Protein backbone atom coordinates (compact mmCIF):
# COMPACT_ATOMS: atom_id res chain seq x y z
CA MET A 1 0.11 -0.04 -0.08
CA HIS A 2 1.43 3.35 -0.74
CA ILE A 3 2.58 5.33 2.01
CA TRP A 4 0.28 8.31 1.97
CA ARG A 5 -2.60 5.97 2.11
CA ALA A 6 -0.74 3.53 4.75
CA ILE A 7 0.29 6.05 7.06
CA ILE A 8 -2.03 8.85 6.66
CA PRO A 9 -5.71 8.77 7.41
CA VAL A 10 -8.26 10.50 5.25
CA PRO A 11 -8.09 14.24 5.88
CA LYS A 12 -11.37 14.36 7.93
CA PHE A 13 -11.15 14.08 11.78
CA THR A 14 -13.97 11.60 11.76
CA LEU A 15 -12.19 9.01 9.82
CA ARG A 16 -13.79 7.56 6.54
CA GLY A 17 -15.00 4.19 7.10
CA LEU A 18 -14.45 4.13 11.03
CA LYS A 19 -16.86 4.58 14.05
CA PRO A 20 -16.34 8.27 15.96
CA THR A 21 -15.49 5.66 18.89
CA LYS A 22 -12.62 4.05 16.95
CA SER A 23 -11.38 7.84 15.92
CA LEU A 24 -11.46 8.48 19.64
CA VAL A 25 -9.42 5.51 20.37
CA ARG A 26 -7.01 6.19 17.82
CA TYR A 27 -6.05 9.48 19.20
CA GLY A 28 -6.58 8.50 22.70
CA GLY A 29 -3.66 5.64 21.81
CA PHE A 30 -1.32 8.22 20.56
CA VAL A 31 -1.89 10.00 23.68
CA PHE A 32 -0.96 6.93 25.72
CA SER A 33 1.77 5.88 23.71
CA THR A 34 3.62 9.52 24.13
CA GLY A 35 2.82 9.58 27.78
CA GLY A 36 4.23 5.99 28.34
CA SER A 37 7.05 6.81 26.40
CA GLN A 38 7.66 9.95 28.90
CA LEU A 39 7.05 7.95 31.91
CA ALA A 40 9.63 5.29 30.68
CA GLY A 41 12.21 8.24 29.99
CA PHE A 42 11.40 9.50 33.40
CA PHE A 43 12.31 6.15 34.92
CA ILE A 44 15.42 5.69 33.02
CA THR A 45 16.56 8.96 34.13
CA SER A 46 15.80 8.20 37.78
CA LEU A 47 18.33 5.31 37.24
CA THR A 48 21.11 6.66 35.64
CA PHE A 49 21.13 10.36 36.87
CA PRO A 50 22.28 8.66 40.46
CA PHE A 51 24.56 6.12 38.64
CA LEU A 52 26.21 9.12 36.85
CA VAL A 53 26.73 11.19 39.58
CA ARG A 54 28.33 8.65 41.80
CA ARG A 55 30.30 7.18 39.39
CA LEU A 56 31.67 10.26 37.80
CA GLY A 57 31.97 12.36 40.98
CA VAL A 58 31.25 16.11 41.61
CA GLU A 59 33.55 17.72 39.81
CA THR A 60 33.48 15.62 36.65
CA TYR A 61 29.61 15.30 36.56
CA GLY A 62 29.74 19.44 36.66
CA LEU A 63 32.25 19.63 33.82
CA TRP A 64 29.90 17.32 31.94
CA SER A 65 26.70 19.25 32.58
CA TYR A 66 28.76 22.31 31.39
CA VAL A 67 29.30 20.66 28.27
CA ALA A 68 25.81 19.53 27.66
CA GLU A 69 24.85 23.27 28.24
CA ILE A 70 27.17 24.53 25.69
CA TYR A 71 25.81 22.15 23.13
CA VAL A 72 22.22 23.45 23.46
CA PHE A 73 23.00 26.50 21.90
CA LEU A 74 25.30 25.08 19.17
CA ASP A 75 22.51 22.66 18.17
CA LEU A 76 20.43 25.70 17.73
CA LEU A 77 23.16 26.94 15.17
CA SER A 78 23.16 23.15 13.37
CA ASN A 79 19.50 23.43 13.33
CA PRO A 80 18.05 26.78 13.49
CA GLY A 81 14.04 25.58 13.58
CA LEU A 82 14.82 23.82 10.23
CA THR A 83 12.89 20.59 11.55
CA ASN A 84 10.43 22.65 13.22
CA TYR A 85 9.27 24.20 9.86
CA ALA A 86 9.46 20.87 7.88
CA THR A 87 7.37 19.21 10.92
CA GLN A 88 4.49 21.85 10.00
CA GLN A 89 5.01 21.74 6.09
CA VAL A 90 4.52 17.89 5.98
CA ALA A 91 2.06 17.74 8.68
CA GLY A 92 -0.28 20.52 6.42
CA ARG A 93 0.65 19.26 3.06
CA ARG A 94 1.53 15.76 3.56
CA LYS A 95 2.72 14.52 -0.02
CA GLU A 96 3.24 17.96 -1.19
CA GLY A 97 5.28 19.04 2.12
CA ALA A 98 7.47 16.10 1.96
CA GLU A 99 9.27 17.50 -1.10
CA ILE A 100 10.82 19.98 1.82
CA ILE A 101 13.00 17.35 2.82
CA SER A 102 15.52 17.27 -0.36
CA ASP A 103 16.14 21.36 0.89
CA LEU A 104 16.59 20.60 4.15
CA LEU A 105 19.50 18.45 4.08
CA PRO A 106 21.84 21.00 2.35
CA LEU A 107 20.39 23.36 4.09
CA ARG A 108 21.17 21.32 7.80
CA LEU A 109 24.81 20.63 6.36
CA LEU A 110 25.63 24.43 5.91
CA CYS A 111 24.18 25.43 9.36
CA THR A 112 26.25 22.20 10.50
CA THR A 113 29.27 23.62 9.10
CA VAL A 114 28.65 27.13 10.81
CA ALA A 115 28.12 25.09 14.33
CA VAL A 116 31.14 23.35 13.94
CA ILE A 117 33.31 26.62 13.21
CA ALA A 118 31.81 28.10 16.33
CA LEU A 119 32.55 25.04 18.16
CA PHE A 120 36.09 25.26 17.61
CA VAL A 121 36.20 28.75 18.63
CA ILE A 122 34.63 28.27 21.65
CA ALA A 123 36.93 24.95 22.59
CA SER A 124 40.03 27.32 22.00
CA PHE A 125 38.96 29.43 24.82
CA GLU A 126 38.66 26.11 27.06
CA PRO A 127 41.87 25.88 29.40
CA ARG A 128 41.32 22.10 30.50
CA SER A 129 41.88 19.25 27.45
CA ASP A 130 39.64 16.97 28.73
CA VAL A 131 36.97 19.15 28.75
CA ARG A 132 37.86 20.37 25.13
CA HIS A 133 38.06 16.79 23.84
CA LEU A 134 34.61 16.08 25.64
CA LEU A 135 32.89 19.31 23.79
CA LYS A 136 34.13 18.25 20.65
CA PHE A 137 33.36 14.59 20.49
CA TYR A 138 29.83 15.07 22.01
CA SER A 139 28.90 18.27 19.67
CA VAL A 140 30.41 16.97 16.18
CA GLY A 141 29.06 13.37 16.95
CA CYS A 142 25.32 14.79 17.70
CA PHE A 143 25.68 17.15 14.73
CA LEU A 144 26.32 13.98 12.60
CA ALA A 145 23.73 11.67 14.38
CA ARG A 146 21.04 14.35 14.27
CA GLN A 147 21.58 14.76 10.49
CA PHE A 148 19.66 11.45 10.22
CA GLY A 149 17.29 11.89 12.77
CA VAL A 150 13.71 11.05 12.10
CA ASP A 151 11.27 12.21 15.01
CA TYR A 152 9.95 15.32 13.15
CA LEU A 153 8.73 12.91 10.46
CA LEU A 154 6.94 10.27 12.92
CA VAL A 155 5.15 13.34 14.38
CA ALA A 156 4.13 14.76 10.86
CA LEU A 157 3.05 11.83 9.81
CA GLU A 158 1.04 10.71 13.18
CA MET A 159 3.19 7.93 13.76
CA PHE A 160 3.25 8.40 17.38
CA HIS A 161 3.08 4.64 18.17
CA THR A 162 6.49 4.33 16.07
CA ARG A 163 8.08 7.24 17.78
CA ALA A 164 7.27 6.13 21.27
CA VAL A 165 8.77 2.43 20.56
CA LEU A 166 11.75 4.22 18.97
CA ALA A 167 12.53 6.44 21.93
CA VAL A 168 12.03 4.15 24.53
CA CYS A 169 14.73 1.99 22.53
CA GLN A 170 17.33 4.75 22.33
CA GLN A 171 16.75 5.98 25.84
CA SER A 172 17.24 1.99 27.14
CA LEU A 173 20.46 1.93 24.43
CA TYR A 174 21.79 5.06 26.44
CA ALA A 175 21.54 3.97 29.70
CA ALA A 176 22.94 0.42 28.84
CA GLY A 177 25.96 2.30 27.77
CA ILE A 178 25.85 3.96 30.99
CA PHE A 179 25.84 0.95 32.87
CA LEU A 180 28.20 -1.08 31.14
CA PHE A 181 30.98 1.33 30.41
CA VAL A 182 31.03 4.05 33.03
CA ARG A 183 33.18 2.91 35.99
CA GLY A 184 34.83 6.11 37.03
CA PRO A 185 35.71 10.01 36.12
CA GLU A 186 37.90 8.39 33.56
CA ASP A 187 35.16 7.24 31.60
CA ALA A 188 33.50 10.13 31.39
CA ILE A 189 33.83 9.82 27.37
CA TRP A 190 31.53 6.82 27.36
CA VAL A 191 28.35 9.49 28.27
CA PRO A 192 28.38 11.25 25.08
CA ALA A 193 29.39 8.25 23.26
CA SER A 194 26.18 6.38 24.34
CA ILE A 195 24.00 9.35 23.42
CA VAL A 196 25.51 9.88 20.15
CA SER A 197 25.18 6.08 19.31
CA SER A 198 21.84 5.66 20.76
CA VAL A 199 20.37 8.71 18.83
CA PHE A 200 22.20 7.35 15.51
CA LEU A 201 20.84 3.86 15.71
CA ALA A 202 17.09 5.09 16.82
CA GLY A 203 17.35 7.29 13.60
CA ALA A 204 18.55 4.61 11.22
CA ALA A 205 15.71 2.27 12.41
CA GLY A 206 13.31 5.12 11.98
CA TRP A 207 14.28 5.66 8.17
CA MET A 208 14.02 1.90 7.62
CA ILE A 209 10.70 1.80 8.98
CA LEU A 210 9.57 5.13 6.92
CA TRP A 211 11.35 3.21 3.89
CA ARG A 212 9.44 -0.04 4.40
CA ARG A 213 6.24 1.76 4.56
CA GLY A 214 6.58 3.37 1.28
CA PHE A 215 7.77 6.76 2.33
CA ARG A 216 10.21 7.83 -0.55
CA PRO A 217 10.11 11.44 -0.94
CA ARG A 218 11.61 13.00 -4.36
CA PHE A 219 15.04 14.44 -3.50
CA VAL A 220 15.20 17.67 -6.15
CA ILE A 221 17.29 20.17 -4.42
CA ASN A 222 15.87 23.62 -5.44
CA PRO A 223 17.98 26.80 -3.83
CA GLY A 224 15.17 28.88 -5.04
CA ARG A 225 13.11 28.07 -2.14
CA TRP A 226 15.87 27.94 0.65
CA LYS A 227 14.90 31.66 1.72
CA GLY A 228 11.29 30.63 2.22
CA ILE A 229 12.49 27.91 4.56
CA LEU A 230 14.98 30.05 6.35
CA VAL A 231 12.43 32.98 7.24
CA PRO A 232 9.88 30.95 9.31
CA SER A 233 12.59 28.30 10.49
CA ILE A 234 14.96 31.18 12.46
CA HIS A 235 11.43 32.59 13.85
CA TYR A 236 10.83 29.09 15.15
CA ALA A 237 14.61 29.19 16.36
CA MET A 238 14.29 32.48 18.16
CA SER A 239 11.37 31.65 19.73
CA TYR A 240 13.15 28.45 21.07
CA LEU A 241 16.20 30.67 22.07
CA MET A 242 13.70 32.88 23.97
CA ALA A 243 12.28 30.55 25.66
CA THR A 244 15.43 28.87 26.93
CA GLY A 245 16.93 32.02 27.97
CA TYR A 246 13.96 33.16 29.81
CA THR A 247 13.65 29.49 31.89
CA ARG A 248 17.41 29.27 32.38
CA GLY A 249 17.57 33.32 33.14
CA GLY A 250 15.31 32.69 36.17
CA HIS A 251 17.85 30.02 37.30
CA ILE A 252 20.85 32.81 37.08
CA ILE A 253 18.95 35.66 38.42
CA VAL A 254 17.74 33.44 41.48
CA ARG A 255 21.53 32.75 42.24
CA TRP A 256 22.55 36.15 41.91
CA PHE A 257 19.85 37.53 44.47
CA LEU A 258 19.20 34.54 46.62
CA GLY A 259 22.26 32.61 46.81
CA PRO A 260 22.67 28.61 45.82
CA TYR A 261 20.04 27.02 48.55
CA GLU A 262 17.52 28.83 46.79
CA LEU A 263 18.62 28.55 43.53
CA GLY A 264 18.23 24.47 44.33
CA LEU A 265 14.70 24.85 45.72
CA TYR A 266 13.60 26.89 42.53
CA ALA A 267 15.08 24.51 40.02
CA ALA A 268 13.48 21.56 41.61
CA GLY A 269 10.08 22.89 42.11
CA LEU A 270 10.33 24.20 38.65
CA ARG A 271 11.16 20.77 37.13
CA LEU A 272 8.23 19.23 39.02
CA MET A 273 6.19 21.70 37.52
CA ASP A 274 7.50 21.18 34.25
CA PHE A 275 7.02 17.17 34.58
CA LEU A 276 3.29 17.65 35.23
CA ARG A 277 2.66 20.13 32.38
CA GLN A 278 4.24 17.73 30.03
CA PHE A 279 1.31 15.26 30.32
CA ILE A 280 -0.88 18.32 29.89
CA VAL A 281 0.74 19.33 26.51
CA MET A 282 0.76 15.79 24.98
CA VAL A 283 -2.63 16.56 23.66
CA PRO A 284 -1.51 19.49 21.65
CA ASN A 285 1.02 17.48 20.37
CA VAL A 286 -0.46 14.77 19.51
CA LEU A 287 -3.28 16.57 17.82
CA MET A 288 -0.99 19.51 16.13
CA PRO A 289 -0.41 17.41 12.90
CA ARG A 290 -4.27 16.89 12.22
CA LEU A 291 -4.69 20.90 12.76
CA ALA A 292 -2.20 21.56 10.15
CA LEU A 293 -3.73 19.34 7.83
CA SER A 294 -7.24 21.04 8.51
CA ALA A 295 -5.94 24.45 8.38
CA ARG A 296 -7.30 24.87 4.94
CA SER A 297 -10.75 24.35 6.20
CA GLU A 298 -12.00 27.14 8.29
CA ALA A 299 -14.54 25.28 9.80
CA GLU A 300 -12.92 22.21 10.52
CA LEU A 301 -9.72 23.74 11.89
CA GLY A 302 -12.01 25.76 14.40
CA ARG A 303 -13.55 22.65 15.64
CA LEU A 304 -10.73 20.83 16.19
CA ALA A 305 -9.20 24.13 18.23
CA HIS A 306 -12.14 24.10 20.20
CA LEU A 307 -12.03 20.35 21.01
CA LEU A 308 -8.21 20.79 21.89
CA GLY A 309 -8.61 23.74 23.89
CA THR A 310 -11.41 22.33 26.16
CA ALA A 311 -9.12 19.01 26.31
CA VAL A 312 -6.22 21.22 27.78
CA ALA A 313 -8.71 23.02 30.20
CA LEU A 314 -10.07 19.28 31.22
CA LEU A 315 -6.58 18.26 32.41
CA SER A 316 -4.88 21.13 33.44
CA LEU A 317 -7.82 22.45 36.01
CA PRO A 318 -7.53 18.95 38.09
CA ILE A 319 -3.54 18.92 38.11
CA THR A 320 -3.47 22.50 39.28
CA PHE A 321 -6.11 22.01 41.94
CA GLY A 322 -4.27 18.67 42.74
CA LEU A 323 -0.84 20.34 43.18
CA ILE A 324 -2.39 22.74 45.48
CA GLY A 325 -4.22 20.14 47.51
CA THR A 326 -0.90 17.37 47.71
CA ALA A 327 1.93 19.56 47.07
CA HIS A 328 2.55 18.58 50.76
CA LEU A 329 2.80 15.16 49.90
CA LEU A 330 4.17 15.47 46.54
CA VAL A 331 7.09 17.27 47.64
CA PRO A 332 8.61 14.96 50.26
CA TRP A 333 7.71 11.79 48.20
CA ILE A 334 9.09 12.94 44.46
CA LEU A 335 11.85 15.41 45.77
CA GLY A 336 12.63 14.29 49.37
CA PRO A 337 12.23 15.47 52.71
CA ARG A 338 14.91 18.52 52.28
CA TYR A 339 12.79 20.49 49.65
CA PHE A 340 9.97 20.70 51.93
CA GLU A 341 10.20 24.55 51.71
CA ASP A 342 9.01 23.84 48.07
CA VAL A 343 5.45 23.36 49.07
CA SER A 344 4.75 27.16 49.59
CA PHE A 345 6.46 27.91 46.48
CA LEU A 346 4.52 25.19 44.20
CA ARG A 347 1.20 26.59 45.60
CA TRP A 348 2.13 30.00 44.58
CA MET A 349 3.08 28.62 41.15
CA ALA A 350 0.19 26.03 40.55
CA PRO A 351 -1.86 28.34 38.44
CA CYS A 352 0.91 28.40 36.15
CA LEU A 353 -0.05 25.36 35.13
CA VAL A 354 -3.16 26.42 33.45
CA ILE A 355 -1.78 29.50 32.19
CA ALA A 356 1.46 27.56 30.49
CA SER A 357 -0.56 25.08 28.94
CA SER A 358 -3.16 27.68 27.61
CA GLY A 359 0.05 29.79 25.85
CA TYR A 360 1.39 26.22 24.84
CA PHE A 361 -2.08 25.53 22.85
CA VAL A 362 -2.56 28.76 21.57
CA ARG A 363 1.03 28.81 20.11
CA THR A 364 0.30 24.92 18.97
CA VAL A 365 -2.65 26.60 16.90
CA ALA A 366 -0.55 29.27 15.61
CA TYR A 367 2.30 26.76 14.59
CA ALA A 368 0.08 24.39 12.75
CA MET A 369 -1.11 27.43 10.95
CA GLY A 370 2.23 28.40 9.69
CA ARG A 371 1.84 31.68 11.34
CA HIS A 372 5.52 31.82 12.57
CA ARG A 373 5.58 35.55 13.36
CA ALA A 374 2.62 35.32 15.63
CA TYR A 375 4.51 32.56 17.34
CA PHE A 376 7.92 34.49 17.59
CA ALA A 377 6.27 37.39 18.87
CA SER A 378 4.06 35.43 21.67
CA SER A 379 7.36 34.13 22.86
CA ALA A 380 9.38 37.05 22.54
CA GLY A 381 6.61 38.94 24.54
CA GLY A 382 6.42 35.98 27.05
CA ALA A 383 10.54 36.38 27.70
CA VAL A 384 10.78 40.14 27.99
CA THR A 385 8.25 40.32 30.35
CA GLY A 386 9.23 37.48 32.63
CA VAL A 387 12.85 38.43 32.85
CA LEU A 388 12.12 41.86 33.54
CA LEU A 389 9.97 40.82 36.16
CA TYR A 390 12.41 38.61 37.73
CA PHE A 391 14.85 41.47 38.55
CA VAL A 392 11.79 43.61 40.15
CA LEU A 393 10.24 40.90 41.78
CA ILE A 394 13.03 38.43 43.20
CA PRO A 395 14.95 40.87 45.47
CA THR A 396 11.55 41.79 47.24
CA PHE A 397 9.59 38.46 47.10
CA ARG A 398 12.45 35.82 46.91
CA LEU A 399 11.28 32.75 45.99
CA ARG A 400 7.54 33.46 45.64
CA GLY A 401 8.48 36.67 43.56
CA ALA A 402 10.27 33.99 40.83
CA GLY A 403 7.30 32.05 40.51
CA VAL A 404 4.79 35.07 40.22
CA ALA A 405 7.43 36.45 37.55
CA TYR A 406 7.40 32.95 35.93
CA THR A 407 3.99 32.91 35.81
CA LEU A 408 3.26 36.53 34.63
CA GLY A 409 5.25 35.92 31.74
CA GLU A 410 3.36 32.97 30.63
CA LEU A 411 0.22 34.98 31.16
CA VAL A 412 1.92 37.56 28.71
CA ALA A 413 3.11 35.05 25.94
CA ALA A 414 -0.26 33.13 25.78
CA ALA A 415 -2.43 36.84 25.82
CA MET A 416 -0.06 37.86 22.81
CA GLY A 417 -0.57 34.46 20.91
CA TYR A 418 -4.60 34.65 21.81
CA ALA A 419 -4.46 38.18 20.36
CA MET A 420 -2.88 37.24 17.26
CA LEU A 421 -5.17 34.30 16.34
CA PRO A 422 -7.93 34.68 13.58
CA ALA A 423 -11.24 36.27 15.30
CA THR A 424 -12.95 32.82 14.22
CA LEU A 425 -10.94 31.01 16.59
CA ARG A 426 -11.14 33.48 19.77
CA ASP A 427 -13.64 31.09 21.35
CA LEU A 428 -11.72 28.35 21.60
CA TRP A 429 -12.96 26.91 25.40
CA ARG A 430 -16.38 25.42 25.74
CA PRO A 431 -17.58 27.19 29.07
CA PRO A 432 -20.23 24.06 30.10
CA VAL A 433 -17.43 21.60 29.82
CA VAL A 434 -14.79 23.90 31.71
CA VAL A 435 -17.38 24.56 34.20
CA ALA A 436 -18.19 20.80 34.64
CA ALA A 437 -13.95 20.30 35.01
CA LEU A 438 -14.19 23.41 37.56
CA VAL A 439 -16.64 21.62 39.66
CA GLY A 440 -15.04 18.28 39.52
CA SER A 441 -11.81 19.75 40.76
CA VAL A 442 -13.22 21.39 43.76
CA LEU A 443 -15.01 18.17 44.65
CA MET A 444 -11.53 16.41 43.99
CA VAL A 445 -9.85 19.17 46.34
CA THR A 446 -12.44 18.29 49.23
CA ALA A 447 -12.19 14.55 48.67
CA VAL A 448 -8.15 14.63 49.10
CA SER A 449 -8.26 16.98 52.27
CA CYS A 450 -10.78 14.37 53.62
CA ALA A 451 -8.97 11.56 52.51
CA ASN A 452 -5.65 13.24 53.96
CA VAL A 453 -7.20 13.22 57.34
CA TYR A 454 -6.75 9.11 57.37
CA SER A 455 -3.91 8.40 55.18
CA ALA A 456 -0.85 10.46 54.74
CA GLN A 457 -0.06 7.99 51.73
CA PRO A 458 0.42 10.06 48.47
CA PHE A 459 -0.57 7.30 46.03
CA VAL A 460 -3.96 6.65 48.29
CA VAL A 461 -4.63 10.34 48.39
CA ILE A 462 -4.19 10.91 44.98
CA SER A 463 -6.13 8.26 43.68
CA ILE A 464 -8.89 9.10 45.78
CA GLY A 465 -8.96 12.71 44.40
CA ALA A 466 -8.61 11.37 40.92
CA LEU A 467 -11.42 8.93 41.20
CA VAL A 468 -13.66 11.74 42.71
CA TYR A 469 -12.77 13.73 39.50
CA LEU A 470 -13.57 11.15 36.96
CA LEU A 471 -16.81 10.39 38.72
CA SER A 472 -18.00 13.89 38.99
CA SER A 473 -17.36 15.39 35.63
CA GLY A 474 -16.28 12.03 33.66
CA TRP A 475 -20.21 11.27 32.32
CA PHE A 476 -20.72 14.89 31.28
CA VAL A 477 -17.24 15.29 29.36
CA ARG A 478 -17.56 11.65 27.77
CA LYS A 479 -20.84 12.97 26.35
CA TRP A 480 -19.23 15.88 24.95
CA LEU A 481 -16.28 13.97 23.33
CA VAL A 482 -18.80 11.51 21.94
CA GLU A 483 -20.49 14.58 20.47
CA GLN A 484 -17.15 16.29 19.12
CA PHE A 485 -15.80 12.82 17.08
CA THR A 486 -19.48 12.38 15.95
CA ALA A 487 -19.48 15.73 13.92
CA SER A 488 -18.51 15.66 10.69
């Protein structure tokens, strides 16, 4: 069967020949696969992180972390948003969009050449030879391995099950390399070697799967299209740079004003928040290719955007209320008793889950429509607001000020993105469903408070709260979902 009929569904959200329930199961399965791979990655990280810290030692692990941070910015030079643009094009235009791959390869090679030059310039200023060697080996290896990366195509073609399996395999290969070859600080080179080899093997396997499924785009290089590729790609790259500088900038400013102890509390709390947020934004990530494909139909795009916006609200509201009600249980359970001071910080930060997820959803809609300037403006507005507020609020309100600054930055980004959407997409949330989720969340917090009187076990209390939320709002939400998937 040809690839475009084998792996790409008929361009209607309710698939021809399938019942609405099967369509719901299909996309529910995508969310389950994505969430499962994230949980597997979290589990593998929980095993490799303490192992590396113990085997490498404090100094060597710190140097390796420094090398990894340098590579983040070099990777932006090597791939300045090119795969982001390609993902949107392939998702929105499918067969026609896949022709962009032939122009993507020479552009990535040119950008990688610039990144390699920057790498050697940076390495020349590094006084330690072992760090220079690590930086060069890791960066050049990743530059080459990621040339063959296939992750962006799997997302665009809605092959989320394949992507999840490859992600878990890649992480497992990396963990195997760490456990087999890292015995002490002198084996630090095996850390980047494990990363590079696992990424390359996963990419090669991905291309083999696509090739066997019939994915064989024409390789016709057309330099006349390069400007049209580079402009939106650079906007996406600058958006990523803004977001990276904004989130990491908070760490730097907290350290300047509050010191290393508060920095540890801030970093751990923000990491937990990001972990929870990833489970909310799975839904926009899964539905983005379908949004891009539907962008040519205003009615279909509007219906999908409403569905997605309401789904984000249904997930973010209970998680936000749940964090407020169970922070005193989650922090010692996940972060450890030494981080108990993060309880107050996380409760102040909890509304950010709703705001940040809504902003991510709005930017996903803009991205699916190819509105790269709106995407960049939203990210830039949030970043500038957040950084300025860091300097104002952190010295006065300490960690709470950092949390408020971060939240307000996300609010500005979400508001700007929302304001730049077409007028037909402004009504993105369905009030009756959101009210049902809000009522269910309040009942959930009440049940959590009552359960906590009789049990201090986080798993028991959280399970009771989740059950109450599902029972109180699940029937109404289920009925609404079936109606949405039945609509043509």
